[in-house]
Protein backbone atom coordinates (compact mmCIF):
# COMPACT_ATOMS: atom_id res chain seq x y z
CA UNK A 1 -57.91 4.65 -14.83
CA UNK A 2 -60.64 7.15 -14.13
CA UNK A 3 -61.06 10.67 -15.39
CA UNK A 4 -60.34 13.54 -13.02
CA UNK A 5 -60.19 11.58 -9.77
CA UNK A 6 -58.45 8.30 -9.09
CA UNK A 7 -60.33 5.30 -7.90
CA UNK A 8 -59.05 3.01 -5.18
CA UNK A 9 -57.07 0.92 -7.65
CA UNK A 10 -54.54 1.87 -7.11
CA UNK A 11 -33.87 -6.61 -11.20
CA UNK A 12 -31.11 -7.15 -13.01
CA UNK A 13 -29.32 -4.09 -14.38
CA UNK A 14 -25.95 -2.47 -14.95
CA UNK A 15 -24.14 -0.82 -12.06
CA UNK A 16 -24.69 2.59 -13.65
CA UNK A 17 -28.44 2.05 -13.38
CA UNK A 18 -28.64 0.88 -9.77
CA UNK A 19 -30.31 2.86 -7.01
CA UNK A 20 -32.17 2.25 -3.75
CA UNK A 21 -34.96 3.87 -1.74
CA UNK A 22 -32.39 4.78 0.94
CA UNK A 23 -30.22 6.66 -1.58
CA UNK A 24 -33.27 8.51 -2.83
CA UNK A 25 -34.18 9.56 0.72
CA UNK A 26 -30.71 11.00 1.23
CA UNK A 27 -30.75 13.18 -1.90
CA UNK A 28 -31.14 16.95 -1.72
CA UNK A 29 -34.74 18.19 -1.65
CA UNK A 30 -35.71 20.96 -4.05
CA UNK A 31 -38.82 23.12 -3.76
CA UNK A 32 -41.33 24.12 -6.39
CA UNK A 33 -44.78 25.66 -6.50
CA UNK A 34 -45.73 23.76 -9.65
CA UNK A 35 -43.67 21.09 -11.37
CA UNK A 36 -44.01 19.44 -14.76
CA UNK A 37 -42.45 15.96 -14.75
CA UNK A 38 -41.76 15.10 -18.38
CA UNK A 39 -40.76 11.49 -18.98
CA UNK A 40 -40.13 9.72 -22.26
CA UNK A 41 -40.14 12.63 -24.70
CA UNK A 42 -38.01 10.40 -26.96
CA UNK A 43 -36.42 13.24 -28.91
CA UNK A 44 -39.76 14.52 -30.24
CA UNK A 45 -39.20 18.25 -31.02
CA UNK A 46 -42.91 18.86 -31.55
CA UNK A 47 -43.57 17.60 -28.02
CA UNK A 48 -41.01 20.02 -26.60
CA UNK A 49 -42.70 22.86 -28.49
CA UNK A 50 -46.08 21.78 -27.10
CA UNK A 51 -44.76 21.69 -23.52
CA UNK A 52 -43.40 25.20 -23.90
CA UNK A 53 -46.81 26.32 -25.18
CA UNK A 54 -48.40 24.76 -22.06
CA UNK A 55 -46.04 26.75 -19.86
CA UNK A 56 -47.29 29.97 -21.42
CA UNK A 57 -50.83 29.13 -20.27
CA UNK A 58 -49.85 28.38 -16.66
CA UNK A 59 -50.33 30.92 -13.90
CA UNK A 60 -47.32 31.57 -11.69
CA UNK A 61 -43.94 29.91 -11.69
CA UNK A 62 -43.58 26.42 -13.14
CA UNK A 63 -40.47 24.27 -12.90
CA UNK A 64 -39.88 21.58 -15.54
CA UNK A 65 -37.96 18.37 -14.94
CA UNK A 66 -37.26 15.96 -17.81
CA UNK A 67 -36.90 12.64 -16.01
CA UNK A 68 -35.04 10.67 -18.63
CA UNK A 69 -35.32 9.33 -22.17
CA UNK A 70 -35.78 12.78 -23.64
CA UNK A 71 -33.64 11.40 -26.49
CA UNK A 72 -34.37 8.43 -28.78
CA UNK A 73 -35.80 9.21 -32.21
CA UNK A 74 -33.61 12.31 -32.71
CA UNK A 75 -30.79 10.34 -34.32
CA UNK A 76 -29.30 13.13 -36.40
CA UNK A 77 -26.82 15.66 -35.10
CA UNK A 78 -28.95 18.78 -35.56
CA UNK A 79 -31.94 17.39 -33.67
CA UNK A 80 -29.84 15.70 -31.00
CA UNK A 81 -27.92 18.89 -30.29
CA UNK A 82 -31.04 21.08 -30.37
CA UNK A 83 -33.11 18.97 -27.95
CA UNK A 84 -30.31 18.63 -25.43
CA UNK A 85 -29.22 22.26 -25.56
CA UNK A 86 -32.78 23.49 -25.04
CA UNK A 87 -33.23 21.27 -22.00
CA UNK A 88 -29.73 21.98 -20.67
CA UNK A 89 -30.23 25.75 -20.95
CA UNK A 90 -33.77 26.24 -19.71
CA UNK A 91 -34.87 23.25 -17.62
CA UNK A 92 -33.81 20.56 -15.16
CA UNK A 93 -33.22 16.92 -16.05
CA UNK A 94 -32.42 13.52 -14.62
CA UNK A 95 -30.97 10.62 -16.58
CA UNK A 96 -32.81 7.86 -18.36
CA UNK A 97 -31.21 4.73 -19.72
CA UNK A 98 -30.95 6.40 -23.14
CA UNK A 99 -28.94 9.33 -21.80
CA UNK A 100 -26.57 6.98 -19.98
CA UNK A 101 -26.15 4.78 -23.06
CA UNK A 102 -25.38 7.55 -25.54
CA UNK A 103 -23.06 9.56 -23.27
CA UNK A 104 -20.88 6.65 -22.12
CA UNK A 105 -17.54 5.93 -23.73
CA UNK A 106 -19.16 3.03 -25.65
CA UNK A 107 -22.03 5.31 -26.79
CA UNK A 108 -24.73 2.72 -27.44
CA UNK A 109 -22.50 -0.25 -28.22
CA UNK A 110 -23.77 -2.03 -25.09
CA UNK A 111 -27.41 -1.70 -26.18
CA UNK A 112 -30.26 0.55 -25.16
CA UNK A 113 -30.03 -0.20 -21.44
CA UNK A 114 -33.81 -0.65 -21.26
CA UNK A 115 -33.53 -3.88 -19.23
CA UNK A 116 -36.73 -5.15 -20.81
CA UNK A 117 -38.56 -7.84 -18.82
CA UNK A 118 -38.51 -11.37 -20.18
CA UNK A 119 -41.98 -11.13 -21.73
CA UNK A 120 -40.78 -8.51 -24.25
CA UNK A 121 -39.83 -10.19 -27.53
CA UNK A 122 -36.19 -10.47 -28.56
CA UNK A 123 -36.99 -8.67 -31.81
CA UNK A 124 -38.21 -5.59 -29.91
CA UNK A 125 -35.07 -5.63 -27.75
CA UNK A 126 -32.80 -5.99 -30.79
CA UNK A 127 -34.46 -3.07 -32.58
CA UNK A 128 -34.16 -0.84 -29.52
CA UNK A 129 -30.47 -1.70 -29.33
CA UNK A 130 -30.04 -0.71 -32.99
CA UNK A 131 -31.85 2.59 -32.46
CA UNK A 132 -29.59 3.50 -29.55
CA UNK A 133 -26.49 2.32 -31.38
CA UNK A 134 -27.28 4.77 -34.19
CA UNK A 135 -28.09 7.51 -31.67
CA UNK A 136 -24.82 6.83 -29.85
CA UNK A 137 -22.83 7.12 -33.07
CA UNK A 138 -24.38 10.53 -33.66
CA UNK A 139 -23.78 11.54 -30.03
CA UNK A 140 -20.07 11.03 -30.58
CA UNK A 141 -20.15 14.27 -32.60
CA UNK A 142 -21.80 16.35 -29.87
CA UNK A 143 -19.79 19.15 -28.31
CA UNK A 144 -18.01 18.28 -25.09
CA UNK A 145 -20.23 20.53 -22.97
CA UNK A 146 -23.37 18.60 -23.94
CA UNK A 147 -21.77 15.21 -23.36
CA UNK A 148 -20.42 16.36 -19.99
CA UNK A 149 -23.87 17.56 -18.99
CA UNK A 150 -25.46 14.24 -19.98
CA UNK A 151 -22.86 12.26 -18.05
CA UNK A 152 -23.44 14.34 -14.91
CA UNK A 153 -27.22 13.82 -14.75
CA UNK A 154 -28.53 12.24 -11.55
CA UNK A 155 -30.74 9.14 -11.80
CA UNK A 156 -33.40 10.66 -9.50
CA UNK A 157 -34.50 13.88 -7.78
CA UNK A 158 -36.51 14.89 -4.71
CA UNK A 159 -39.00 17.72 -4.58
CA UNK A 160 -41.20 19.23 -1.91
CA UNK A 161 -44.40 20.68 -3.35
CA UNK A 162 -47.13 21.97 -1.08
CA UNK A 163 -45.66 19.93 1.75
CA UNK A 164 -45.74 16.67 -0.25
CA UNK A 165 -42.44 14.83 -0.75
CA UNK A 166 -42.10 13.67 -4.36
CA UNK A 167 -39.40 11.27 -5.54
CA UNK A 168 -38.79 11.68 -9.27
CA UNK A 169 -37.57 8.41 -10.80
CA UNK A 170 -37.02 7.10 -14.29
CA UNK A 171 -37.71 3.38 -13.80
CA UNK A 172 -38.26 2.18 -10.24
CA UNK A 173 -36.58 2.90 -6.88
CA UNK A 174 -34.03 0.10 -7.29
CA UNK A 175 -33.02 0.69 -10.89
CA UNK A 176 -33.09 3.58 -13.31
CA UNK A 177 -34.19 1.03 -15.92
CA UNK A 178 -36.45 -1.04 -13.64
CA UNK A 179 -39.96 -2.17 -14.57
CA UNK A 180 -41.51 -2.76 -11.14
CA UNK A 181 -43.69 0.35 -11.55
CA UNK A 182 -45.00 -0.63 -14.98
CA UNK A 183 -48.79 -0.84 -15.21
CA UNK A 184 -48.67 -4.50 -16.24
CA UNK A 185 -46.54 -5.36 -13.22
CA UNK A 186 -48.85 -3.96 -10.52
CA UNK A 187 -50.92 -6.59 -8.72
CA UNK A 188 -54.16 -4.78 -9.54
CA UNK A 189 -53.62 -5.04 -13.32
CA UNK A 190 -56.42 -7.09 -14.85
CA UNK A 191 -55.72 -10.61 -16.09
CA UNK A 192 -56.96 -9.64 -19.56
CA UNK A 193 -54.56 -6.71 -19.69
CA UNK A 194 -51.64 -8.88 -18.61
CA UNK A 195 -52.53 -11.53 -21.20
CA UNK A 196 -52.46 -8.89 -23.95
CA UNK A 197 -48.93 -8.01 -22.82
CA UNK A 198 -47.87 -11.66 -22.63
CA UNK A 199 -46.83 -11.30 -19.01
CA UNK A 200 -49.52 -13.21 -17.12
CA UNK A 201 -46.87 -15.45 -15.52
CA UNK A 202 -44.56 -12.56 -14.63
CA UNK A 203 -44.43 -11.61 -10.91
CA UNK A 204 -46.29 -8.48 -9.84
CA UNK A 205 -45.49 -5.70 -7.39
CA UNK A 206 -47.58 -5.77 -4.22
CA UNK A 207 -48.98 -2.61 -2.67
CA UNK A 208 -49.05 -3.84 0.90
CA UNK A 209 -48.14 -7.33 1.97
CA UNK A 210 -45.63 -9.70 3.46
CA UNK A 211 -43.07 -9.55 0.66
CA UNK A 212 -41.01 -6.56 1.67
CA UNK A 213 -38.78 -6.87 -1.38
CA UNK A 214 -41.60 -6.01 -3.77
CA UNK A 215 -43.85 -3.75 -1.71
CA UNK A 216 -44.42 -0.30 -3.21
CA UNK A 217 -45.62 1.06 0.13
CA UNK A 218 -42.40 0.02 1.87
CA UNK A 219 -40.34 1.50 -0.96
CA UNK A 220 -41.99 4.87 -0.52
CA UNK A 221 -41.52 4.79 3.23
CA UNK A 222 -37.83 3.98 2.82
CA UNK A 223 -37.45 6.75 0.22
CA UNK A 224 -39.25 9.22 2.53
CA UNK A 225 -41.67 9.91 -0.30
CA UNK A 226 -45.39 10.62 -0.44
CA UNK A 227 -45.33 10.00 -4.17
CA UNK A 228 -43.29 8.39 -6.93
CA UNK A 229 -43.35 10.14 -10.31
CA UNK A 230 -41.83 7.81 -12.91
CA UNK A 231 -41.81 6.92 -16.62
CA UNK A 232 -39.64 4.42 -18.66
CA UNK A 233 -42.33 1.84 -19.47
CA UNK A 234 -44.20 3.77 -22.22
CA UNK A 235 -47.68 3.14 -20.78
CA UNK A 236 -49.27 5.47 -18.19
CA UNK A 237 -51.07 4.72 -14.97
CA UNK A 238 -51.79 6.20 -11.55
CA UNK A 239 -52.16 4.19 -8.38
CA UNK A 240 -53.13 4.93 -4.81
CA UNK A 241 -51.17 2.99 -2.20
CA UNK A 242 -53.26 3.03 0.95
CA UNK A 243 -51.84 3.40 4.44
CA UNK A 244 -55.23 3.64 6.13
CA UNK A 245 -58.85 4.66 5.43
CA UNK A 246 -57.95 8.36 5.05
CA UNK A 247 -54.29 8.14 4.12
CA UNK A 248 -52.49 7.02 0.99
CA UNK A 249 -49.39 7.50 -1.07
CA UNK A 250 -49.45 7.68 -4.87
CA UNK A 251 -47.59 6.44 -7.94
CA UNK A 252 -47.87 8.40 -11.20
CA UNK A 253 -46.24 6.98 -14.33
CA UNK A 254 -46.78 9.38 -17.22
CA UNK A 255 -46.02 6.77 -19.88
CA UNK A 256 -44.60 8.89 -22.68
CA UNK A 257 -44.57 12.64 -23.30
CA UNK A 258 -43.41 12.16 -26.88
CA UNK A 259 -45.61 9.31 -28.12
CA UNK A 260 -49.29 8.38 -28.10
CA UNK A 261 -50.47 6.61 -24.92
CA UNK A 262 -54.19 5.87 -25.28
CA UNK A 263 -56.22 4.21 -28.00
CA UNK A 264 -57.43 6.83 -30.48
CA UNK A 265 -55.63 9.68 -28.71
CA UNK A 266 -52.55 11.07 -30.55
CA UNK A 267 -50.96 12.98 -27.69
CA UNK A 268 -48.25 12.54 -25.12
CA UNK A 269 -48.62 12.87 -21.36
CA UNK A 270 -46.82 14.59 -18.51
CA UNK A 271 -47.32 14.67 -14.75
CA UNK A 272 -48.17 18.04 -13.18
CA UNK A 273 -47.73 18.49 -9.41
CA UNK A 274 -48.78 21.75 -7.78
CA UNK A 275 -49.34 23.39 -4.42
CA UNK A 276 -52.55 24.75 -5.96
CA UNK A 277 -55.41 22.34 -5.29
CA UNK A 278 -57.43 23.54 -8.29
CA UNK A 279 -57.94 20.97 -11.04
CA UNK A 280 -55.88 22.26 -13.98
CA UNK A 281 -57.30 22.75 -17.44
CA UNK A 282 -57.10 19.58 -19.51
CA UNK A 283 -56.55 17.18 -16.61
CA UNK A 284 -57.22 13.60 -17.70
CA UNK A 285 -57.09 12.18 -14.18
CA UNK A 286 -55.63 13.28 -10.88
CA UNK A 287 -56.01 13.54 -7.14
CA UNK A 288 -55.03 15.52 -4.08
CA UNK A 289 -51.82 14.20 -2.54
CA UNK A 290 -51.40 15.69 0.92
CA UNK A 291 -51.35 19.45 0.45
CA UNK A 292 -50.53 19.15 -3.24
CA UNK A 293 -52.49 18.32 -6.38
CA UNK A 294 -51.18 15.85 -8.97
CA UNK A 295 -52.62 15.45 -12.47
CA UNK A 296 -51.90 13.80 -15.80
CA UNK A 297 -51.97 16.41 -18.58
CA UNK A 298 -52.01 15.83 -22.36
CA UNK A 299 -49.07 17.03 -24.44
CA UNK A 300 -50.89 18.03 -27.61
CA UNK A 301 -47.99 18.02 -30.04
CA UNK A 302 -48.57 18.51 -33.77
CA UNK A 303 -48.96 14.87 -34.69
CA UNK A 304 -48.74 15.23 -38.49
CA UNK A 305 -45.54 17.25 -38.21
CA UNK A 306 -44.09 14.68 -35.83
CA UNK A 307 -44.84 11.82 -38.24
CA UNK A 308 -43.24 13.73 -41.12
CA UNK A 309 -40.20 14.49 -38.98
CA UNK A 310 -39.97 10.87 -37.78
CA UNK A 311 -39.96 9.48 -41.34
CA UNK A 312 -37.00 11.60 -42.39
CA UNK A 313 -34.74 9.73 -39.97
CA UNK A 314 -36.60 6.44 -39.64
CA UNK A 315 -38.10 5.38 -43.02
CA UNK A 316 -40.02 2.18 -43.63
CA UNK A 317 -37.94 -0.87 -42.73
CA UNK A 318 -35.81 0.91 -40.16
CA UNK A 319 -35.76 -0.36 -36.54
CA UNK A 320 -37.71 2.59 -35.11
CA UNK A 321 -40.27 2.46 -37.90
CA UNK A 322 -40.87 -1.27 -37.35
CA UNK A 323 -41.23 -0.92 -33.58
CA UNK A 324 -43.03 2.41 -33.21
CA UNK A 325 -44.63 3.74 -36.38
CA UNK A 326 -47.75 1.59 -36.06
CA UNK A 327 -48.17 2.91 -32.52
CA UNK A 328 -48.20 6.46 -33.83
CA UNK A 329 -50.78 5.71 -36.52
CA UNK A 330 -53.11 3.37 -34.62
CA UNK A 331 -52.15 4.31 -31.07
CA UNK A 332 -51.80 1.87 -28.14
CA UNK A 333 -54.66 -0.36 -27.01
CA UNK A 334 -54.67 1.20 -23.52
CA UNK A 335 -58.15 2.61 -22.87
CA UNK A 336 -59.35 5.47 -20.68
CA UNK A 337 -62.33 4.32 -18.59
């Protein structure tokens, strides 16, 4: 990744998770002047507070869309109810695998619905299933209006911003829980990076090429999209998908709004898309996309308060502590270059 401006780098799942580029293209198109796409907040109340502080600093109208997995660590009734009611009342949302899992009749008994790729260890998968099982048990005590709202969430949304068509996804265009748009799965990911993730033998997603079944450019054409804004995979990246020397589409995966994303940087990330072409304050990287501007912005939540809050529900030895607490103290190995 590069600061400010992007360089030229650019499934098996449950029926409830399935989608297609054609279905995305047929969905209603909404309009916004500026849109925050907030993926993977993971129930972090401090992150939601920080996002609302960011809105106060914006000029003009800003729409906010939480594109899934805004629940996860909030596995007590007070926090679960509070997060969902705030989003339900004031913002827009689409479903992530977590929302589908905890609002179904089984409420987490079928696992987290993450559809992890084969290179993710079984221990990580098992702990995620336990986290969502606990969250689902708590969700059974939510009021009917919140559960009904969660069940009615769409798996994707379309926006038009400054003339650019933006498809908001959770995973990838074929599955709400798909991993084809994960940074480690793009063909331009470095071999060293893929080795660190243990996925060097896993197939990658081509940008342009003969394999139409795994071609991001073809997916965007079929979805009638100039850009995919996604999340789900917990690590951020941005990619240009070139159509010609002066023309490209873009993929922005914000990683996580509610957890650290970069080595040594204890903040979350969101994707900001605006008809204003000015580079927004705090932009980590971004580019012009048609007549719109898209940027990755830091979500500077109060990290110490988040850690204290986290430990109340997930003490040492718990599944979430084992899987995620080290990440919050040492932060991921992903580097900004």
